[in-house]
């Protein structure tokens, strides 16, 4: 499967298992004599031109990131699993951000000081986070997409994007 097809598949489903290089504490429930599972790390993408550091701001710790933005509600559920053992990874921070239906990002340009469509959560015991947002807009040269970053122990570890194909 090609990288773009993989990312598009995640976007179409609105949910995805994102493989992350790392390990999970505890026993693997698989047969100890079986070979270890093999998982592939999700492709790394650019953080884009509009990331913000959310590290020291608890305001962004939220499930619903819409604020005053109007658009089609879109629930995004992500699952982070370890590359070494394919098991869910708990207690990781996942940041998301994307533009509104008009292609504007909060925190930049005329939107300086705004915080819409940005947030983070901590993965649960199933390695999952779920955000309530709106379907992302687009801007010249880019397909609809949602950026995300994964942090392990408050250390930036991975960045990628969920992309949404244009229906023809």
N, C-alpha and C. Protein backbone atom coordinates (compact mmCIF):
# COMPACT_ATOMS: atom_id res chain seq x y z
N UNK A 1 0.84 -1.17 0.00
CA UNK A 1 0.00 0.00 0.00
C UNK A 1 0.89 1.24 0.00
N UNK A 2 0.56 2.19 -0.81
CA UNK A 2 1.33 3.43 -0.89
C UNK A 2 1.01 4.32 0.30
N UNK A 3 1.96 5.19 0.64
CA UNK A 3 1.83 6.07 1.80
C UNK A 3 0.56 6.92 1.72
N UNK A 4 0.31 7.54 0.58
CA UNK A 4 -0.87 8.40 0.45
C UNK A 4 -2.15 7.60 0.59
N UNK A 5 -2.18 6.37 0.05
CA UNK A 5 -3.36 5.54 0.20
C UNK A 5 -3.60 5.21 1.67
N UNK A 6 -2.51 4.93 2.40
CA UNK A 6 -2.61 4.63 3.82
C UNK A 6 -3.19 5.82 4.58
N UNK A 7 -2.64 7.00 4.35
CA UNK A 7 -3.12 8.19 5.04
C UNK A 7 -4.54 8.52 4.64
N UNK A 8 -4.87 8.37 3.39
CA UNK A 8 -6.24 8.62 2.95
C UNK A 8 -7.20 7.65 3.62
N UNK A 9 -6.79 6.40 3.75
CA UNK A 9 -7.63 5.41 4.41
C UNK A 9 -7.93 5.80 5.84
N UNK A 10 -6.94 6.34 6.52
CA UNK A 10 -7.17 6.81 7.89
C UNK A 10 -8.18 7.93 7.89
N UNK A 11 -8.06 8.84 6.95
CA UNK A 11 -8.95 9.99 6.90
C UNK A 11 -10.37 9.60 6.58
N UNK A 12 -10.57 8.68 5.66
CA UNK A 12 -11.91 8.27 5.29
C UNK A 12 -12.63 7.61 6.45
N UNK A 13 -11.92 6.84 7.21
CA UNK A 13 -12.54 6.15 8.34
C UNK A 13 -12.76 7.09 9.51
N UNK A 14 -11.98 8.14 9.60
CA UNK A 14 -12.08 9.03 10.75
C UNK A 14 -11.47 8.40 11.98
N UNK A 15 -10.92 7.23 11.82
CA UNK A 15 -10.28 6.52 12.93
C UNK A 15 -9.10 5.76 12.35
N UNK A 16 -8.06 5.66 13.09
CA UNK A 16 -6.92 4.91 12.58
C UNK A 16 -6.05 4.41 13.70
N UNK A 17 -5.36 3.35 13.45
CA UNK A 17 -4.34 2.87 14.37
C UNK A 17 -3.02 3.40 13.87
N UNK A 18 -2.42 4.26 14.63
CA UNK A 18 -1.17 4.88 14.24
C UNK A 18 -0.03 4.15 14.93
N UNK A 19 0.83 3.60 14.17
CA UNK A 19 1.91 2.81 14.74
C UNK A 19 3.03 3.72 15.16
N UNK A 20 3.53 3.46 16.35
CA UNK A 20 4.54 4.33 16.91
C UNK A 20 5.68 3.49 17.43
N UNK A 21 6.90 3.88 17.12
CA UNK A 21 8.06 3.13 17.59
C UNK A 21 8.20 3.34 19.09
N UNK A 22 8.14 2.26 19.80
CA UNK A 22 8.23 2.33 21.26
C UNK A 22 7.75 1.02 21.83
N UNK A 23 7.59 0.97 23.12
CA UNK A 23 7.10 -0.25 23.74
C UNK A 23 6.11 0.10 24.83
N UNK A 24 5.37 -0.90 25.24
CA UNK A 24 4.37 -0.74 26.28
C UNK A 24 4.80 -1.58 27.47
N UNK A 25 4.69 -1.03 28.66
CA UNK A 25 5.02 -1.79 29.86
C UNK A 25 4.01 -2.91 30.04
N UNK A 26 4.44 -4.01 30.57
CA UNK A 26 3.53 -5.12 30.85
C UNK A 26 3.76 -6.28 29.91
N UNK A 27 3.08 -7.37 30.20
CA UNK A 27 3.23 -8.59 29.42
C UNK A 27 2.45 -8.50 28.12
N UNK A 28 2.99 -9.09 27.09
CA UNK A 28 2.30 -9.24 25.83
C UNK A 28 1.41 -10.46 25.97
N UNK A 29 0.13 -10.34 25.60
CA UNK A 29 -0.82 -11.43 25.78
C UNK A 29 -0.64 -12.54 24.75
N UNK A 30 0.22 -12.35 23.78
CA UNK A 30 0.45 -13.37 22.76
C UNK A 30 1.30 -14.52 23.33
N UNK A 31 1.29 -15.63 22.64
CA UNK A 31 2.07 -16.80 23.01
C UNK A 31 3.55 -16.41 23.06
N UNK A 32 4.20 -16.70 24.17
CA UNK A 32 5.60 -16.31 24.37
C UNK A 32 6.54 -16.95 23.35
N UNK A 33 6.18 -18.13 22.81
CA UNK A 33 7.05 -18.79 21.84
C UNK A 33 6.81 -18.30 20.41
N UNK A 34 5.75 -17.55 20.21
CA UNK A 34 5.45 -17.03 18.87
C UNK A 34 6.41 -15.90 18.54
N UNK A 35 6.73 -15.73 17.25
CA UNK A 35 7.60 -14.61 16.89
C UNK A 35 6.91 -13.29 17.20
N UNK A 36 7.68 -12.27 17.53
CA UNK A 36 7.06 -10.98 17.85
C UNK A 36 6.33 -10.41 16.63
N UNK A 37 5.24 -9.69 16.86
CA UNK A 37 4.51 -9.10 15.74
C UNK A 37 5.35 -8.02 15.07
N UNK A 38 4.99 -7.73 13.85
CA UNK A 38 5.71 -6.69 13.11
C UNK A 38 4.72 -5.61 12.71
N UNK A 39 5.02 -4.39 13.06
CA UNK A 39 4.18 -3.26 12.70
C UNK A 39 5.03 -2.25 11.96
N UNK A 40 4.40 -1.44 11.16
CA UNK A 40 5.11 -0.44 10.37
C UNK A 40 4.83 0.94 10.93
N UNK A 41 5.87 1.72 11.10
CA UNK A 41 5.74 3.08 11.61
C UNK A 41 5.01 3.95 10.59
N UNK A 42 4.05 4.73 11.07
CA UNK A 42 3.32 5.63 10.17
C UNK A 42 4.30 6.62 9.55
N UNK A 43 4.10 6.96 8.29
CA UNK A 43 5.02 7.89 7.64
C UNK A 43 5.05 9.24 8.34
N UNK A 44 6.23 9.81 8.42
CA UNK A 44 6.38 11.13 9.01
C UNK A 44 6.03 12.18 7.96
N UNK A 45 5.33 13.20 8.38
CA UNK A 45 4.95 14.30 7.51
C UNK A 45 5.41 15.61 8.14
N UNK A 46 5.30 16.67 7.40
CA UNK A 46 5.67 17.97 7.93
C UNK A 46 4.65 18.44 8.96
N UNK A 47 5.10 19.20 9.93
CA UNK A 47 4.19 19.81 10.89
C UNK A 47 3.42 20.93 10.22
N UNK A 48 3.85 21.32 9.04
CA UNK A 48 3.16 22.37 8.31
C UNK A 48 3.61 23.75 8.76
N UNK A 49 3.06 24.75 8.11
CA UNK A 49 3.47 26.11 8.44
C UNK A 49 2.75 26.70 9.66
N UNK A 50 1.83 25.96 10.28
CA UNK A 50 1.00 26.56 11.33
C UNK A 50 0.95 25.81 12.65
N UNK A 51 2.02 25.14 13.10
CA UNK A 51 1.96 24.49 14.41
C UNK A 51 2.09 25.53 15.52
N UNK A 52 1.57 25.21 16.68
CA UNK A 52 1.77 26.02 17.89
C UNK A 52 2.24 25.09 18.99
N UNK A 53 3.06 25.58 19.89
CA UNK A 53 3.50 24.78 21.03
C UNK A 53 2.41 24.83 22.10
N UNK A 54 1.76 23.70 22.33
CA UNK A 54 0.67 23.62 23.30
C UNK A 54 1.14 23.09 24.65
N UNK A 55 2.43 22.84 24.78
CA UNK A 55 3.00 22.13 25.91
C UNK A 55 2.60 22.68 27.27
N UNK A 56 2.73 23.96 27.47
CA UNK A 56 2.52 24.53 28.80
C UNK A 56 1.15 25.18 28.97
N UNK A 57 0.18 24.83 28.14
CA UNK A 57 -1.12 25.46 28.22
C UNK A 57 -2.21 24.41 28.38
N UNK A 58 -2.69 24.23 29.61
CA UNK A 58 -3.73 23.23 29.88
C UNK A 58 -5.05 23.56 29.22
N UNK A 59 -5.23 24.79 28.76
CA UNK A 59 -6.46 25.16 28.05
C UNK A 59 -6.71 24.24 26.87
N UNK A 60 -5.64 23.84 26.19
CA UNK A 60 -5.77 23.02 24.99
C UNK A 60 -6.06 21.55 25.29
N UNK A 61 -6.02 21.15 26.57
CA UNK A 61 -6.36 19.77 26.93
C UNK A 61 -7.88 19.66 26.88
N UNK A 62 -8.38 19.19 25.73
CA UNK A 62 -9.83 19.17 25.51
C UNK A 62 -10.18 18.21 24.39
N UNK A 63 -11.41 17.71 24.46
CA UNK A 63 -11.90 16.82 23.41
C UNK A 63 -12.54 17.62 22.28
N UNK A 64 -13.36 18.60 22.63
CA UNK A 64 -14.06 19.41 21.63
C UNK A 64 -13.21 20.64 21.30
N UNK A 65 -12.71 20.70 20.08
CA UNK A 65 -11.81 21.78 19.68
C UNK A 65 -12.49 22.82 18.78
N UNK A 66 -13.80 22.71 18.60
CA UNK A 66 -14.50 23.55 17.62
C UNK A 66 -14.59 25.02 18.01
N UNK A 67 -14.81 25.31 19.29
CA UNK A 67 -15.08 26.67 19.75
C UNK A 67 -16.21 27.27 18.92
N UNK A 68 -15.98 28.41 18.25
CA UNK A 68 -17.05 29.08 17.49
C UNK A 68 -17.07 28.70 16.01
N UNK A 69 -16.24 27.75 15.60
CA UNK A 69 -16.14 27.41 14.18
C UNK A 69 -17.36 26.61 13.74
N UNK A 70 -17.93 27.00 12.62
CA UNK A 70 -19.08 26.30 12.05
C UNK A 70 -18.60 25.36 10.95
N UNK A 71 -19.32 24.27 10.79
CA UNK A 71 -19.00 23.30 9.76
C UNK A 71 -19.61 21.96 10.11
N UNK A 72 -19.35 20.97 9.30
CA UNK A 72 -19.87 19.63 9.52
C UNK A 72 -19.08 18.98 10.65
N UNK A 73 -19.80 18.54 11.70
CA UNK A 73 -19.11 17.90 12.83
C UNK A 73 -18.36 16.67 12.34
N UNK A 74 -17.17 16.51 12.87
CA UNK A 74 -16.30 15.39 12.46
C UNK A 74 -15.61 14.86 13.72
N UNK A 75 -15.89 13.63 14.09
CA UNK A 75 -15.24 13.01 15.24
C UNK A 75 -14.02 12.25 14.74
N UNK A 76 -12.88 12.54 15.34
CA UNK A 76 -11.62 11.91 14.94
C UNK A 76 -11.12 11.07 16.10
N UNK A 77 -11.04 9.77 15.88
CA UNK A 77 -10.55 8.85 16.90
C UNK A 77 -9.25 8.25 16.40
N UNK A 78 -8.19 8.42 17.19
CA UNK A 78 -6.88 7.89 16.83
C UNK A 78 -6.46 6.85 17.85
N UNK A 79 -5.78 5.83 17.39
CA UNK A 79 -5.26 4.78 18.27
C UNK A 79 -3.77 4.64 18.01
N UNK A 80 -2.98 4.79 19.06
CA UNK A 80 -1.53 4.69 18.95
C UNK A 80 -1.11 3.32 19.47
N UNK A 81 -0.39 2.57 18.62
CA UNK A 81 0.10 1.26 19.04
C UNK A 81 1.61 1.20 18.83
N UNK A 82 2.27 0.36 19.61
CA UNK A 82 3.72 0.26 19.55
C UNK A 82 4.20 -0.51 18.33
N UNK A 83 5.26 -0.03 17.73
CA UNK A 83 5.83 -0.70 16.56
C UNK A 83 6.46 -2.04 16.96
N UNK A 84 7.04 -2.10 18.14
CA UNK A 84 7.75 -3.31 18.56
C UNK A 84 6.82 -4.46 18.90
N UNK A 85 5.62 -4.14 19.44
CA UNK A 85 4.75 -5.22 19.88
C UNK A 85 3.31 -5.07 19.43
N UNK A 86 2.99 -4.03 18.70
CA UNK A 86 1.64 -3.78 18.17
C UNK A 86 0.59 -3.66 19.28
N UNK A 87 1.01 -3.32 20.47
CA UNK A 87 0.09 -3.15 21.60
C UNK A 87 -0.23 -1.67 21.79
N UNK A 88 -1.44 -1.39 22.32
CA UNK A 88 -1.82 0.01 22.57
C UNK A 88 -0.82 0.70 23.50
N UNK A 89 -0.61 1.98 23.25
CA UNK A 89 0.31 2.78 24.07
C UNK A 89 -0.50 3.81 24.86
N UNK A 90 -0.52 3.66 26.17
CA UNK A 90 -1.26 4.57 27.05
C UNK A 90 -0.39 5.73 27.48
N UNK A 91 -1.04 6.80 27.90
CA UNK A 91 -0.40 7.98 28.50
C UNK A 91 0.53 8.74 27.56
N UNK A 92 0.22 8.75 26.27
CA UNK A 92 0.95 9.57 25.31
C UNK A 92 0.10 10.80 25.01
N UNK A 93 0.75 11.92 24.78
CA UNK A 93 0.00 13.13 24.42
C UNK A 93 -0.10 13.20 22.90
N UNK A 94 -1.32 13.46 22.42
CA UNK A 94 -1.57 13.60 20.99
C UNK A 94 -2.16 14.99 20.75
N UNK A 95 -1.46 15.81 19.97
CA UNK A 95 -1.94 17.14 19.58
C UNK A 95 -2.57 17.05 18.19
N UNK A 96 -3.66 17.79 17.97
CA UNK A 96 -4.18 17.94 16.61
C UNK A 96 -4.40 19.42 16.33
N UNK A 97 -4.37 19.78 15.06
CA UNK A 97 -4.75 21.12 14.62
C UNK A 97 -5.05 21.07 13.14
N UNK A 98 -5.95 21.95 12.72
CA UNK A 98 -6.28 22.06 11.30
C UNK A 98 -6.97 23.38 11.03
N UNK A 99 -7.14 23.69 9.76
CA UNK A 99 -7.78 24.95 9.39
C UNK A 99 -9.30 24.82 9.43
N UNK A 100 -9.97 25.96 9.47
CA UNK A 100 -11.43 25.97 9.46
C UNK A 100 -11.93 25.79 8.02
N UNK A 101 -13.24 25.85 7.83
CA UNK A 101 -13.81 25.60 6.51
C UNK A 101 -13.35 26.59 5.45
N UNK A 102 -12.85 27.75 5.91
CA UNK A 102 -12.38 28.78 4.99
C UNK A 102 -10.87 28.74 4.77
N UNK A 103 -10.18 27.77 5.36
CA UNK A 103 -8.74 27.63 5.18
C UNK A 103 -7.90 28.44 6.15
N UNK A 104 -8.51 28.95 7.23
CA UNK A 104 -7.79 29.75 8.23
C UNK A 104 -7.35 28.91 9.42
N UNK A 105 -6.13 29.14 9.88
CA UNK A 105 -5.61 28.49 11.09
C UNK A 105 -5.64 29.48 12.25
N UNK A 106 -6.03 29.01 13.42
CA UNK A 106 -5.96 29.86 14.61
C UNK A 106 -4.51 30.11 14.98
N UNK A 107 -4.27 31.27 15.63
CA UNK A 107 -2.94 31.57 16.14
C UNK A 107 -1.99 32.24 15.16
N UNK A 108 -2.44 32.50 13.93
CA UNK A 108 -1.58 33.09 12.90
C UNK A 108 -2.29 34.19 12.15
N UNK A 109 -1.52 35.15 11.65
CA UNK A 109 -2.05 36.22 10.81
C UNK A 109 -3.20 36.95 11.48
N UNK A 110 -4.31 37.07 10.77
CA UNK A 110 -5.48 37.76 11.32
C UNK A 110 -6.14 36.97 12.44
N UNK A 111 -5.73 35.72 12.63
CA UNK A 111 -6.31 34.86 13.67
C UNK A 111 -5.40 34.76 14.90
N UNK A 112 -4.41 35.63 14.99
CA UNK A 112 -3.50 35.65 16.14
C UNK A 112 -4.31 35.79 17.42
N UNK A 113 -4.00 34.98 18.42
CA UNK A 113 -4.73 35.00 19.68
C UNK A 113 -5.93 34.06 19.71
N UNK A 114 -6.34 33.55 18.56
CA UNK A 114 -7.45 32.59 18.49
C UNK A 114 -6.91 31.18 18.78
N UNK A 115 -7.79 30.29 19.25
CA UNK A 115 -7.35 28.95 19.65
C UNK A 115 -8.19 27.83 19.04
N UNK A 116 -9.10 28.15 18.14
CA UNK A 116 -10.01 27.15 17.57
C UNK A 116 -9.26 26.06 16.79
N UNK A 117 -9.87 24.88 16.79
CA UNK A 117 -9.40 23.71 16.03
C UNK A 117 -7.99 23.27 16.39
N UNK A 118 -7.67 23.43 17.68
CA UNK A 118 -6.40 22.96 18.24
C UNK A 118 -6.69 22.33 19.59
N UNK A 119 -5.99 21.25 19.87
CA UNK A 119 -6.15 20.64 21.18
C UNK A 119 -5.25 19.43 21.33
N UNK A 120 -5.25 18.91 22.55
CA UNK A 120 -4.51 17.67 22.80
C UNK A 120 -5.25 16.84 23.82
N UNK A 121 -4.94 15.56 23.80
CA UNK A 121 -5.46 14.60 24.77
C UNK A 121 -4.36 13.60 25.09
N UNK A 122 -4.62 12.82 26.14
CA UNK A 122 -3.71 11.76 26.57
C UNK A 122 -4.36 10.42 26.21
N UNK A 123 -3.59 9.53 25.58
CA UNK A 123 -4.16 8.23 25.19
C UNK A 123 -4.58 7.44 26.42
N UNK A 124 -5.71 6.72 26.27
CA UNK A 124 -6.22 5.88 27.35
C UNK A 124 -5.53 4.51 27.32
N UNK A 125 -6.03 3.58 28.10
CA UNK A 125 -5.40 2.25 28.18
C UNK A 125 -5.49 1.48 26.86
N UNK A 126 -6.38 1.90 25.96
CA UNK A 126 -6.48 1.30 24.63
C UNK A 126 -5.65 2.05 23.60
N UNK A 127 -4.87 3.04 24.06
CA UNK A 127 -4.05 3.83 23.15
C UNK A 127 -4.86 4.83 22.34
N UNK A 128 -6.08 5.15 22.79
CA UNK A 128 -6.99 5.96 21.98
C UNK A 128 -7.21 7.37 22.53
N UNK A 129 -7.45 8.27 21.61
CA UNK A 129 -7.94 9.62 21.89
C UNK A 129 -9.05 9.89 20.89
N UNK A 130 -9.98 10.76 21.28
CA UNK A 130 -11.06 11.12 20.35
C UNK A 130 -11.32 12.61 20.46
N UNK A 131 -11.34 13.26 19.32
CA UNK A 131 -11.59 14.70 19.25
C UNK A 131 -12.90 14.96 18.52
N UNK A 132 -13.60 16.00 18.96
CA UNK A 132 -14.78 16.49 18.26
C UNK A 132 -14.35 17.77 17.56
N UNK A 133 -14.48 17.80 16.25
CA UNK A 133 -14.04 18.94 15.47
C UNK A 133 -15.01 19.15 14.31
N UNK A 134 -14.60 19.87 13.30
CA UNK A 134 -15.37 20.00 12.07
C UNK A 134 -14.52 19.45 10.94
N UNK A 135 -15.18 19.10 9.84
CA UNK A 135 -14.44 18.63 8.69
C UNK A 135 -13.50 19.74 8.25
N UNK A 136 -12.22 19.43 8.02
CA UNK A 136 -11.25 20.49 7.71
C UNK A 136 -11.50 21.12 6.34
N UNK A 137 -11.23 22.40 6.28
CA UNK A 137 -11.27 23.11 5.00
C UNK A 137 -9.96 22.88 4.26
N UNK A 138 -9.72 23.69 3.28
CA UNK A 138 -8.49 23.56 2.51
C UNK A 138 -8.05 24.95 2.07
N UNK A 139 -6.83 25.00 1.60
CA UNK A 139 -6.30 26.24 1.05
C UNK A 139 -5.47 25.88 -0.17
N UNK A 140 -5.16 26.86 -0.97
CA UNK A 140 -4.50 26.66 -2.25
C UNK A 140 -3.26 25.77 -2.11
N UNK A 141 -3.23 24.72 -2.91
CA UNK A 141 -2.08 23.83 -2.94
C UNK A 141 -2.13 22.67 -1.97
N UNK A 142 -3.16 22.57 -1.14
CA UNK A 142 -3.25 21.50 -0.14
C UNK A 142 -4.62 20.83 -0.17
N UNK A 143 -4.62 19.53 -0.03
CA UNK A 143 -5.83 18.75 0.12
C UNK A 143 -6.30 18.90 1.58
N UNK A 144 -7.56 18.62 1.86
CA UNK A 144 -8.06 18.69 3.25
C UNK A 144 -7.22 17.76 4.12
N UNK A 145 -6.83 18.26 5.30
CA UNK A 145 -5.97 17.45 6.17
C UNK A 145 -6.06 17.92 7.62
N UNK A 146 -5.68 17.03 8.52
CA UNK A 146 -5.57 17.33 9.95
C UNK A 146 -4.16 16.93 10.38
N UNK A 147 -3.45 17.84 11.01
CA UNK A 147 -2.10 17.57 11.52
C UNK A 147 -2.21 16.92 12.90
N UNK A 148 -1.26 16.06 13.22
CA UNK A 148 -1.17 15.54 14.59
C UNK A 148 0.28 15.29 14.97
N UNK A 149 0.54 15.42 16.26
CA UNK A 149 1.86 15.14 16.83
C UNK A 149 1.67 14.20 18.00
N UNK A 150 2.64 13.33 18.22
CA UNK A 150 2.62 12.40 19.34
C UNK A 150 3.83 12.69 20.22
N UNK A 151 3.61 12.75 21.52
CA UNK A 151 4.66 12.99 22.50
C UNK A 151 4.71 11.82 23.47
N UNK A 152 5.91 11.34 23.77
CA UNK A 152 6.13 10.31 24.78
C UNK A 152 6.87 10.98 25.92
N UNK A 153 6.32 10.90 27.13
CA UNK A 153 6.94 11.54 28.30
C UNK A 153 7.29 13.00 28.02
N UNK A 154 6.36 13.72 27.41
CA UNK A 154 6.50 15.15 27.09
C UNK A 154 7.60 15.45 26.08
N UNK A 155 8.10 14.43 25.39
CA UNK A 155 9.12 14.63 24.37
C UNK A 155 8.49 14.38 23.00
N UNK A 156 8.63 15.35 22.10
CA UNK A 156 8.09 15.22 20.75
C UNK A 156 8.67 13.97 20.09
N UNK A 157 7.79 13.13 19.53
CA UNK A 157 8.25 11.86 18.98
C UNK A 157 7.83 11.58 17.55
N UNK A 158 6.69 12.10 17.11
CA UNK A 158 6.23 11.81 15.75
C UNK A 158 5.27 12.90 15.30
N UNK A 159 5.24 13.14 14.00
CA UNK A 159 4.29 14.08 13.40
C UNK A 159 3.83 13.50 12.07
N UNK A 160 2.54 13.66 11.79
CA UNK A 160 2.02 13.21 10.51
C UNK A 160 0.72 13.96 10.24
N UNK A 161 0.00 13.53 9.21
CA UNK A 161 -1.25 14.18 8.83
C UNK A 161 -2.25 13.14 8.37
N UNK A 162 -3.51 13.40 8.68
CA UNK A 162 -4.62 12.64 8.11
C UNK A 162 -5.07 13.43 6.90
N UNK A 163 -5.18 12.80 5.75
CA UNK A 163 -5.61 13.51 4.55
C UNK A 163 -6.94 12.96 4.07
N UNK A 164 -7.68 13.80 3.39
CA UNK A 164 -9.02 13.47 2.92
C UNK A 164 -9.07 13.68 1.42
N UNK A 165 -9.29 12.62 0.66
CA UNK A 165 -9.29 12.75 -0.80
C UNK A 165 -10.50 13.55 -1.28
N UNK A 166 -10.36 14.16 -2.42
CA UNK A 166 -11.45 14.90 -3.04
C UNK A 166 -12.27 13.92 -3.87
N UNK A 167 -13.58 13.90 -3.63
CA UNK A 167 -14.47 13.02 -4.40
C UNK A 167 -14.64 13.60 -5.80
N UNK A 168 -14.59 12.74 -6.79
CA UNK A 168 -14.79 13.21 -8.17
C UNK A 168 -16.11 12.73 -8.69
